[in-house]
N, C-alpha and C. Protein backbone atom coordinates (compact mmCIF):
# COMPACT_ATOMS: atom_id res chain seq x y z
N MET A 1 -54.43 -29.56 -48.95
CA MET A 1 -53.59 -28.61 -47.61
C MET A 1 -52.67 -29.38 -47.24
N GLN A 2 -52.26 -30.56 -47.84
CA GLN A 2 -51.81 -31.55 -47.25
C GLN A 2 -50.21 -31.24 -47.51
N LYS A 3 -49.53 -30.03 -47.13
CA LYS A 3 -48.36 -29.98 -46.85
C LYS A 3 -47.33 -30.60 -45.93
N ALA A 4 -46.45 -30.86 -46.61
CA ALA A 4 -45.28 -32.43 -45.38
C ALA A 4 -45.13 -30.64 -44.40
N GLY A 5 -45.15 -30.97 -42.58
CA GLY A 5 -44.67 -29.99 -42.14
C GLY A 5 -45.60 -29.46 -41.27
N ILE A 6 -46.93 -29.46 -41.94
CA ILE A 6 -47.77 -27.99 -42.02
C ILE A 6 -49.28 -28.90 -41.36
N ILE A 7 -49.48 -28.53 -39.93
CA ILE A 7 -50.63 -29.35 -39.36
C ILE A 7 -51.99 -28.26 -40.05
N PRO A 8 -52.89 -28.64 -40.82
CA PRO A 8 -53.76 -27.82 -40.90
C PRO A 8 -55.21 -27.24 -39.94
N ASP A 9 -55.43 -26.21 -40.25
CA ASP A 9 -56.37 -25.72 -39.20
C ASP A 9 -58.01 -26.22 -39.90
N ILE A 10 -58.68 -26.60 -39.11
CA ILE A 10 -60.29 -27.36 -39.63
C ILE A 10 -60.71 -25.84 -39.79
N LYS A 11 -60.78 -24.86 -38.93
CA LYS A 11 -61.93 -24.25 -38.75
C LYS A 11 -61.29 -22.53 -40.08
N GLU A 12 -60.40 -22.58 -40.35
CA GLU A 12 -60.34 -21.27 -41.30
C GLU A 12 -59.61 -21.76 -42.11
N ASN A 13 -59.56 -23.04 -42.40
CA ASN A 13 -58.88 -23.60 -43.58
C ASN A 13 -57.34 -23.07 -44.42
N LYS A 14 -56.26 -23.31 -43.34
CA LYS A 14 -55.20 -22.54 -43.71
C LYS A 14 -54.13 -23.05 -42.83
N PRO A 15 -52.86 -22.80 -43.38
CA PRO A 15 -51.43 -23.74 -42.03
C PRO A 15 -51.79 -23.07 -41.11
N ALA A 16 -51.55 -23.55 -39.65
CA ALA A 16 -51.37 -22.92 -38.76
C ALA A 16 -50.08 -22.94 -38.24
N ILE A 17 -49.53 -24.33 -38.03
CA ILE A 17 -48.54 -24.40 -36.96
C ILE A 17 -47.40 -25.41 -37.52
N ALA A 18 -45.57 -24.83 -37.94
CA ALA A 18 -45.15 -25.69 -38.49
C ALA A 18 -44.03 -26.55 -37.32
N TYR A 19 -44.70 -27.50 -37.66
CA TYR A 19 -44.27 -28.91 -36.57
C TYR A 19 -42.84 -29.85 -37.09
N ALA A 20 -42.18 -29.02 -38.00
CA ALA A 20 -40.83 -29.36 -38.29
C ALA A 20 -40.17 -29.55 -36.96
N ASN A 21 -40.12 -29.07 -36.06
CA ASN A 21 -39.67 -28.98 -34.14
C ASN A 21 -41.18 -29.68 -33.28
N ALA A 22 -40.66 -30.77 -32.74
CA ALA A 22 -42.33 -30.94 -32.08
C ALA A 22 -41.91 -29.76 -30.68
N CYS A 23 -40.98 -29.60 -30.71
CA CYS A 23 -40.60 -28.90 -28.99
C CYS A 23 -41.80 -27.68 -28.83
N PHE A 24 -41.78 -27.03 -30.15
CA PHE A 24 -42.31 -25.89 -30.78
C PHE A 24 -43.94 -25.91 -30.43
N LEU A 25 -44.69 -27.36 -30.24
CA LEU A 25 -46.13 -27.08 -30.84
C LEU A 25 -46.73 -26.55 -29.06
N PRO A 26 -47.66 -25.82 -29.84
CA PRO A 26 -48.62 -25.72 -28.50
C PRO A 26 -49.19 -26.68 -27.94
N ARG A 27 -49.75 -26.39 -26.83
CA ARG A 27 -50.10 -27.09 -25.05
C ARG A 27 -51.53 -27.23 -25.25
N ASN A 28 -52.22 -26.50 -26.65
CA ASN A 28 -53.86 -26.26 -26.34
C ASN A 28 -54.59 -27.09 -27.72
N TYR A 29 -53.75 -28.00 -28.21
CA TYR A 29 -54.27 -28.63 -29.36
C TYR A 29 -54.55 -30.47 -29.12
N THR A 30 -55.73 -30.84 -29.81
CA THR A 30 -56.27 -32.29 -29.78
C THR A 30 -56.11 -32.85 -31.55
N THR A 31 -55.96 -33.63 -31.39
CA THR A 31 -55.25 -34.42 -32.55
C THR A 31 -56.52 -35.75 -32.75
N HIS A 32 -57.16 -35.80 -33.80
CA HIS A 32 -58.08 -36.99 -34.50
C HIS A 32 -57.53 -37.25 -35.58
N ALA A 33 -57.28 -38.62 -35.56
CA ALA A 33 -56.61 -39.06 -36.66
C ALA A 33 -55.56 -38.28 -37.25
N ASN A 34 -55.69 -37.78 -38.53
CA ASN A 34 -54.89 -36.65 -39.20
C ASN A 34 -54.70 -35.75 -39.18
N VAL A 35 -56.24 -35.08 -38.37
CA VAL A 35 -56.09 -33.47 -38.47
C VAL A 35 -56.05 -33.29 -36.86
N THR A 36 -55.60 -31.96 -36.89
CA THR A 36 -55.04 -31.13 -35.09
C THR A 36 -56.15 -30.41 -35.03
N ASP A 37 -56.88 -30.26 -33.97
CA ASP A 37 -57.77 -29.08 -33.52
C ASP A 37 -57.15 -28.41 -32.55
N ILE A 38 -56.65 -26.68 -33.12
CA ILE A 38 -56.28 -25.93 -31.94
C ILE A 38 -57.34 -25.83 -30.83
N HIS A 39 -57.16 -25.37 -29.96
CA HIS A 39 -58.25 -24.50 -29.19
C HIS A 39 -57.87 -22.95 -29.35
N ARG A 40 -58.76 -22.06 -28.79
CA ARG A 40 -58.09 -20.78 -28.95
C ARG A 40 -59.18 -20.40 -27.76
N GLY A 41 -58.84 -21.07 -26.72
CA GLY A 41 -59.85 -20.48 -25.39
C GLY A 41 -58.50 -19.37 -25.26
N ARG A 42 -59.43 -19.25 -23.82
CA ARG A 42 -58.44 -18.52 -23.14
C ARG A 42 -57.35 -19.00 -21.89
N ARG A 43 -55.97 -18.29 -22.48
CA ARG A 43 -55.02 -18.96 -21.93
C ARG A 43 -54.96 -18.10 -20.03
N GLU A 44 -55.48 -18.93 -19.19
CA GLU A 44 -55.14 -18.66 -17.68
C GLU A 44 -53.29 -19.42 -17.65
N LYS A 45 -53.13 -20.41 -17.99
CA LYS A 45 -52.07 -20.65 -17.67
C LYS A 45 -50.88 -19.70 -18.23
N ARG A 46 -50.78 -18.86 -19.22
CA ARG A 46 -49.77 -18.32 -19.96
C ARG A 46 -49.61 -17.19 -18.81
N GLU A 47 -50.99 -16.22 -18.22
CA GLU A 47 -51.47 -15.05 -17.24
C GLU A 47 -50.58 -15.79 -15.80
N ILE A 48 -51.14 -17.00 -15.60
CA ILE A 48 -49.89 -17.16 -14.02
C ILE A 48 -48.89 -17.59 -14.42
N THR A 49 -48.26 -18.41 -15.60
CA THR A 49 -46.67 -18.41 -16.04
C THR A 49 -46.24 -16.79 -15.74
N LEU A 50 -46.85 -15.90 -16.18
CA LEU A 50 -46.09 -14.62 -16.45
C LEU A 50 -46.09 -13.63 -15.40
N ALA A 51 -46.99 -14.15 -14.48
CA ALA A 51 -47.04 -13.70 -12.69
C ALA A 51 -45.95 -14.06 -12.17
N VAL A 52 -45.68 -15.88 -12.40
CA VAL A 52 -44.58 -16.27 -11.34
C VAL A 52 -43.12 -16.10 -12.21
N VAL A 53 -42.95 -15.90 -13.56
CA VAL A 53 -41.90 -15.30 -13.92
C VAL A 53 -41.74 -13.72 -13.33
N ALA A 54 -42.77 -12.99 -13.36
CA ALA A 54 -42.42 -11.42 -12.84
C ALA A 54 -42.39 -11.70 -11.62
N LEU A 55 -42.55 -12.22 -10.88
CA LEU A 55 -42.25 -12.84 -9.11
C LEU A 55 -41.17 -13.68 -8.89
N ILE A 56 -40.47 -14.42 -9.84
CA ILE A 56 -39.46 -14.72 -9.60
C ILE A 56 -37.99 -14.02 -10.10
N SER A 57 -38.45 -12.89 -11.07
CA SER A 57 -37.84 -11.92 -11.74
C SER A 57 -37.40 -10.91 -9.91
N VAL A 58 -38.76 -10.39 -9.63
CA VAL A 58 -38.61 -9.53 -8.34
C VAL A 58 -37.66 -10.38 -7.22
N LEU A 59 -38.17 -11.61 -7.26
CA LEU A 59 -37.14 -12.45 -5.90
C LEU A 59 -35.88 -12.46 -6.21
N VAL A 60 -35.83 -12.53 -7.77
CA VAL A 60 -34.21 -12.92 -7.94
C VAL A 60 -33.32 -11.39 -8.17
N GLY A 61 -34.16 -10.51 -8.29
CA GLY A 61 -33.46 -8.96 -8.56
C GLY A 61 -33.25 -8.73 -7.04
N ALA A 62 -34.29 -8.92 -6.31
CA ALA A 62 -33.81 -8.84 -4.84
C ALA A 62 -32.53 -9.42 -4.16
N LEU A 63 -32.65 -10.95 -4.74
CA LEU A 63 -31.82 -11.62 -4.76
C LEU A 63 -30.10 -11.45 -5.08
N VAL A 64 -30.42 -10.69 -6.40
CA VAL A 64 -29.01 -10.49 -6.83
C VAL A 64 -28.46 -9.47 -6.13
N ALA A 65 -29.41 -8.00 -5.63
CA ALA A 65 -29.08 -6.90 -5.46
C ALA A 65 -28.61 -7.21 -3.81
N SER A 66 -28.84 -7.96 -2.74
CA SER A 66 -28.45 -8.64 -1.91
C SER A 66 -27.46 -9.34 -1.87
N VAL A 67 -27.22 -10.27 -2.77
CA VAL A 67 -25.99 -10.81 -2.84
C VAL A 67 -24.51 -9.58 -3.41
N ILE A 68 -24.92 -8.69 -4.43
CA ILE A 68 -24.51 -7.59 -4.71
C ILE A 68 -23.41 -6.41 -3.61
N GLN A 69 -24.48 -6.34 -2.64
CA GLN A 69 -24.45 -5.75 -1.99
C GLN A 69 -23.34 -6.60 -0.32
N TYR A 70 -23.80 -7.85 -0.34
CA TYR A 70 -23.02 -8.45 0.71
C TYR A 70 -21.28 -8.69 0.26
N GLN A 71 -21.45 -8.47 -1.22
CA GLN A 71 -19.79 -9.04 -1.90
C GLN A 71 -18.94 -7.25 -1.71
N LEU A 72 -19.76 -5.91 -1.99
CA LEU A 72 -19.27 -4.87 -1.65
C LEU A 72 -18.85 -4.61 0.04
N LYS A 73 -20.17 -5.23 0.63
CA LYS A 73 -19.38 -5.11 1.96
C LYS A 73 -18.00 -6.13 2.33
N SER A 74 -18.36 -7.17 1.53
CA SER A 74 -17.06 -7.65 2.01
C SER A 74 -16.09 -7.45 1.52
N TYR A 75 -15.82 -6.77 0.44
CA TYR A 75 -14.59 -6.35 -0.62
C TYR A 75 -14.38 -5.21 0.52
N ASN A 76 -15.45 -4.12 0.58
CA ASN A 76 -14.79 -3.23 1.37
C ASN A 76 -13.87 -3.63 3.13
N ASP A 77 -14.77 -4.73 3.85
CA ASP A 77 -13.93 -5.18 4.78
C ASP A 77 -12.43 -5.42 4.44
N ILE A 78 -12.57 -5.91 3.08
CA ILE A 78 -11.13 -6.48 2.63
C ILE A 78 -9.84 -5.45 2.64
N LEU A 79 -10.93 -4.16 2.29
CA LEU A 79 -10.06 -2.95 1.44
C LEU A 79 -9.56 -2.39 3.16
N ASN A 80 -10.83 -2.21 3.92
CA ASN A 80 -10.42 -1.73 5.30
C ASN A 80 -9.50 -2.47 6.22
N ASP A 81 -9.14 -3.68 6.14
CA ASP A 81 -8.39 -4.52 6.52
C ASP A 81 -6.63 -4.10 6.41
N LYS A 82 -7.21 -3.99 5.19
CA LYS A 82 -5.59 -3.91 4.31
C LYS A 82 -5.66 -2.43 4.62
N LEU A 83 -6.34 -2.00 4.71
CA LEU A 83 -6.01 -0.14 4.63
C LEU A 83 -5.24 -0.21 6.21
N GLN A 84 -5.89 -0.81 7.19
CA GLN A 84 -5.70 -0.77 8.59
C GLN A 84 -4.12 -1.09 8.58
N LYS A 85 -4.15 -2.39 8.04
CA LYS A 85 -2.48 -3.24 7.93
C LYS A 85 -1.66 -2.17 7.07
N VAL A 86 -1.86 -1.29 6.16
CA VAL A 86 -0.48 -0.61 5.64
C VAL A 86 -0.10 0.71 6.41
N GLU A 87 -1.92 1.12 7.22
CA GLU A 87 -1.46 2.39 8.05
C GLU A 87 -0.87 1.74 8.78
N SER A 88 -1.00 0.46 9.90
CA SER A 88 -0.18 0.23 10.96
C SER A 88 1.13 0.11 10.44
N LYS A 89 1.08 -0.24 9.51
CA LYS A 89 2.95 -0.28 9.16
C LYS A 89 4.01 0.88 8.76
N PHE A 90 2.60 1.74 8.45
CA PHE A 90 3.14 2.87 8.23
C PHE A 90 4.20 3.99 9.36
N THR A 91 2.65 3.83 10.16
CA THR A 91 2.95 4.06 11.58
C THR A 91 3.94 3.53 11.98
N LYS A 92 4.28 2.65 12.05
CA LYS A 92 5.06 1.67 12.47
C LYS A 92 7.09 2.14 11.78
N GLN A 93 6.69 2.42 10.55
CA GLN A 93 7.94 2.90 10.50
C GLN A 93 8.34 4.06 10.63
N ILE A 94 7.18 5.58 10.30
CA ILE A 94 7.28 6.53 11.00
C ILE A 94 7.78 6.76 12.08
N ASN A 95 7.36 5.75 13.20
CA ASN A 95 8.08 6.22 14.58
C ASN A 95 9.59 5.40 15.03
N HIS A 96 9.87 4.55 13.44
CA HIS A 96 11.47 3.83 13.84
C HIS A 96 11.73 5.46 13.11
N VAL A 97 11.39 5.84 12.06
CA VAL A 97 12.28 7.12 11.77
C VAL A 97 12.82 8.50 13.10
N GLU A 98 11.40 8.26 13.53
CA GLU A 98 11.32 9.30 14.37
C GLU A 98 12.82 9.21 15.61
N ASN A 99 12.45 7.77 15.99
CA ASN A 99 13.41 7.10 17.22
C ASN A 99 15.07 7.08 16.60
N GLN A 100 15.08 7.08 15.34
CA GLN A 100 16.22 7.32 14.54
C GLN A 100 16.66 8.97 14.67
N ILE A 101 15.67 9.14 13.98
CA ILE A 101 16.10 11.25 14.33
C ILE A 101 16.42 11.22 15.43
N THR A 102 15.42 11.35 16.97
CA THR A 102 15.71 11.27 18.20
C THR A 102 17.61 10.88 18.92
N LYS A 103 17.71 9.55 18.39
CA LYS A 103 18.86 9.04 18.07
C LYS A 103 19.94 10.43 17.94
N LEU A 104 19.91 10.43 16.54
CA LEU A 104 21.02 11.29 15.77
C LEU A 104 20.67 12.40 16.53
N GLN A 105 19.61 13.12 17.03
CA GLN A 105 20.11 14.61 18.00
C GLN A 105 20.74 14.52 19.09
N GLU A 106 20.29 13.32 19.88
CA GLU A 106 21.40 12.93 21.04
C GLU A 106 22.58 12.49 20.41
N GLN A 107 22.92 11.82 20.08
CA GLN A 107 24.23 11.70 19.34
C GLN A 107 24.85 13.52 19.20
N GLU A 108 24.34 14.26 17.67
CA GLU A 108 24.52 15.61 17.60
C GLU A 108 24.80 16.37 19.24
N LEU A 109 24.06 16.44 19.82
CA LEU A 109 24.12 16.46 21.19
C LEU A 109 25.69 16.62 21.99
N LYS A 110 25.71 15.43 21.79
CA LYS A 110 27.15 14.49 22.35
C LYS A 110 28.29 15.07 21.75
N LEU A 111 28.27 15.33 20.14
CA LEU A 111 29.43 15.55 19.40
C LEU A 111 29.48 17.05 19.45
N VAL A 112 28.60 17.80 20.10
CA VAL A 112 28.25 19.03 20.49
C VAL A 112 28.99 19.78 21.44
N ASN A 113 28.79 18.77 22.80
CA ASN A 113 29.58 19.19 24.05
C ASN A 113 31.21 18.31 23.38
N ALA A 114 30.96 17.67 22.73
CA ALA A 114 32.59 17.29 23.03
C ALA A 114 33.39 18.38 22.28
N LEU A 115 32.54 18.90 21.48
CA LEU A 115 33.33 19.99 20.27
C LEU A 115 33.73 21.23 21.62
N VAL A 116 32.73 21.29 22.12
CA VAL A 116 32.95 22.44 23.40
C VAL A 116 34.11 22.21 24.18
N ASN A 117 34.05 20.69 24.62
CA ASN A 117 35.04 20.52 25.62
C ASN A 117 36.49 20.63 25.19
N LEU A 118 36.70 20.22 23.74
CA LEU A 118 37.84 20.32 22.90
C LEU A 118 37.90 21.80 22.78
N ALA A 119 37.30 22.59 22.63
CA ALA A 119 37.77 23.90 22.13
C ALA A 119 38.02 24.58 24.11
N ARG A 120 37.60 24.39 24.91
CA ARG A 120 37.98 24.45 25.74
C ARG A 120 39.45 24.43 26.54
N ILE A 121 39.55 22.69 26.36
CA ILE A 121 40.76 22.28 26.43
C ILE A 121 42.35 22.89 24.95
N THR A 122 41.32 22.99 24.35
CA THR A 122 42.53 23.62 23.14
C THR A 122 42.47 25.52 23.59
N ALA A 123 41.65 26.08 24.32
CA ALA A 123 42.10 27.07 24.79
C ALA A 123 43.04 27.18 25.49
N LYS A 124 42.46 26.41 26.37
CA LYS A 124 43.78 26.35 27.68
C LYS A 124 44.80 25.89 27.73
N LEU A 125 45.19 25.30 26.48
CA LEU A 125 46.59 24.70 25.78
C LEU A 125 47.32 25.87 25.30
N ALA A 126 46.65 26.34 24.31
CA ALA A 126 47.12 27.94 23.89
C ALA A 126 47.50 28.62 24.82
N ASN A 127 46.87 28.56 25.92
CA ASN A 127 47.34 29.85 27.25
C ASN A 127 48.22 29.49 27.31
N ARG A 128 48.49 27.78 28.12
CA ARG A 128 49.61 27.47 28.61
C ARG A 128 50.40 27.15 27.36
N GLN A 129 51.07 27.17 26.30
CA GLN A 129 51.68 27.27 24.95
C GLN A 129 52.22 28.59 25.71
N GLN A 130 51.71 29.75 25.18
CA GLN A 130 52.56 30.74 25.62
C GLN A 130 53.33 31.13 26.55
N ARG A 131 52.97 30.31 27.68
CA ARG A 131 54.14 30.59 29.28
C ARG A 131 54.75 29.31 29.13
N PHE A 132 54.62 28.06 28.05
CA PHE A 132 55.57 26.84 28.39
C PHE A 132 56.50 27.83 27.03
N GLU A 133 56.14 28.38 26.03
CA GLU A 133 57.32 29.29 25.26
C GLU A 133 58.04 30.07 26.05
N ASN A 134 57.31 30.78 26.67
CA ASN A 134 58.22 31.94 27.76
C ASN A 134 59.01 31.01 28.19
N LEU A 135 58.29 30.17 28.82
CA LEU A 135 59.80 29.05 29.79
C LEU A 135 60.37 28.88 29.02
N VAL A 136 60.08 28.23 27.80
CA VAL A 136 61.53 27.35 26.98
C VAL A 136 62.36 29.04 26.76
N ILE A 137 61.64 29.49 26.53
CA ILE A 137 62.85 30.67 25.96
C ILE A 137 63.62 31.29 26.62
N SER A 138 62.84 31.56 28.25
CA SER A 138 63.85 31.90 29.34
C SER A 138 64.80 30.63 29.94
N TYR A 139 64.41 28.92 29.82
CA TYR A 139 65.32 28.09 30.23
C TYR A 139 66.69 28.53 29.06
N SER A 140 66.25 28.59 27.53
CA SER A 140 67.64 28.52 26.28
C SER A 140 68.44 29.72 27.17
N GLN A 141 67.64 30.97 26.83
CA GLN A 141 68.08 32.15 27.08
C GLN A 141 69.15 32.29 28.47
N GLN A 142 68.79 31.26 29.81
CA GLN A 142 69.81 31.06 30.54
C GLN A 142 71.08 29.94 30.43
N LEU A 143 70.59 28.66 29.76
CA LEU A 143 71.41 28.09 28.86
C LEU A 143 72.78 28.60 28.58
N MET A 144 72.23 29.96 27.47
CA MET A 144 73.16 30.35 26.22
C MET A 144 74.19 31.11 27.66
N GLU A 145 73.40 31.81 28.46
CA GLU A 145 74.33 32.88 29.17
C GLU A 145 75.14 31.87 30.15
N GLN A 146 74.89 30.82 30.61
CA GLN A 146 75.85 29.83 31.38
C GLN A 146 76.69 29.23 30.44
N LYS A 147 76.30 29.03 29.37
CA LYS A 147 77.91 28.13 28.34
C LYS A 147 78.32 29.76 28.15
N ILE A 148 78.05 30.69 27.73
CA ILE A 148 78.39 31.96 27.77
C ILE A 148 79.53 32.25 28.87
N ILE A 149 79.56 31.90 29.87
CA ILE A 149 80.40 32.21 31.56
C ILE A 149 81.13 31.05 31.37
N THR A 150 80.44 29.92 30.86
CA THR A 150 81.42 29.08 31.01
C THR A 150 82.78 28.75 30.21
N THR A 151 82.29 29.22 28.90
CA THR A 151 83.19 29.85 28.00
C THR A 151 84.38 30.72 28.29
N ARG A 152 83.86 31.40 29.33
CA ARG A 152 84.48 33.06 29.38
C ARG A 152 85.22 32.46 30.10
N ARG A 153 85.08 31.58 31.32
CA ARG A 153 85.85 30.85 32.69
C ARG A 153 86.99 30.53 31.74
N SER A 154 86.63 29.26 30.86
CA SER A 154 87.30 28.42 30.28
C SER A 154 88.80 29.15 29.54
N ILE A 155 88.12 30.38 28.47
CA ILE A 155 89.00 30.68 27.55
C ILE A 155 89.99 31.54 29.15
N GLU A 156 89.51 31.90 30.05
CA GLU A 156 90.16 32.51 31.18
C GLU A 156 91.39 31.84 31.70
N ASP A 157 90.69 30.48 32.05
CA ASP A 157 91.51 29.35 32.31
C ASP A 157 92.70 29.31 31.40
N ARG A 158 92.37 29.07 30.38
CA ARG A 158 93.59 29.08 29.55
C ARG A 158 94.50 29.97 28.96
N LYS A 159 94.00 31.23 29.91
CA LYS A 159 94.90 32.36 29.51
C LYS A 159 96.00 32.44 31.19
N LEU A 160 95.74 31.95 31.88
CA LEU A 160 96.34 32.19 32.80
C LEU A 160 97.07 30.47 33.03
N ILE A 161 97.19 29.47 32.18
CA ILE A 161 97.68 28.74 32.13
C ILE A 161 98.66 29.15 31.49
């Protein structure tokens, strides 16, 4: 049983451990010259190691959970800040639009008032225009009558001469 890479087990006389990679040798062995004896006793270290690993796993799990919660809270805070900024910007823009609408309504009222005044002035002018046309017609009539009289006198004066 002297094969390369095999440590013989003395008690059962069969190969027990491949020792090509020395990192994987068990800790519970002793070597005497060319013979390696593996102790098959109770492994309390392994149980303690498993307990420690389980404890560390629980602690790391709790730590990871708290880290994730912290990250979620920080992302939530960042999102809330951005949401508040967007909300304030949106509110500011809505207020600006409302101010512009108010100014447009004021200008519309001024325009309506100006149109009403223009309508009144136009109505007054229309009333005065009729009187003015009547005055122009009467003046023209008087001028024509005066011209007729002047022309008749001129004709009479020529006849007399």
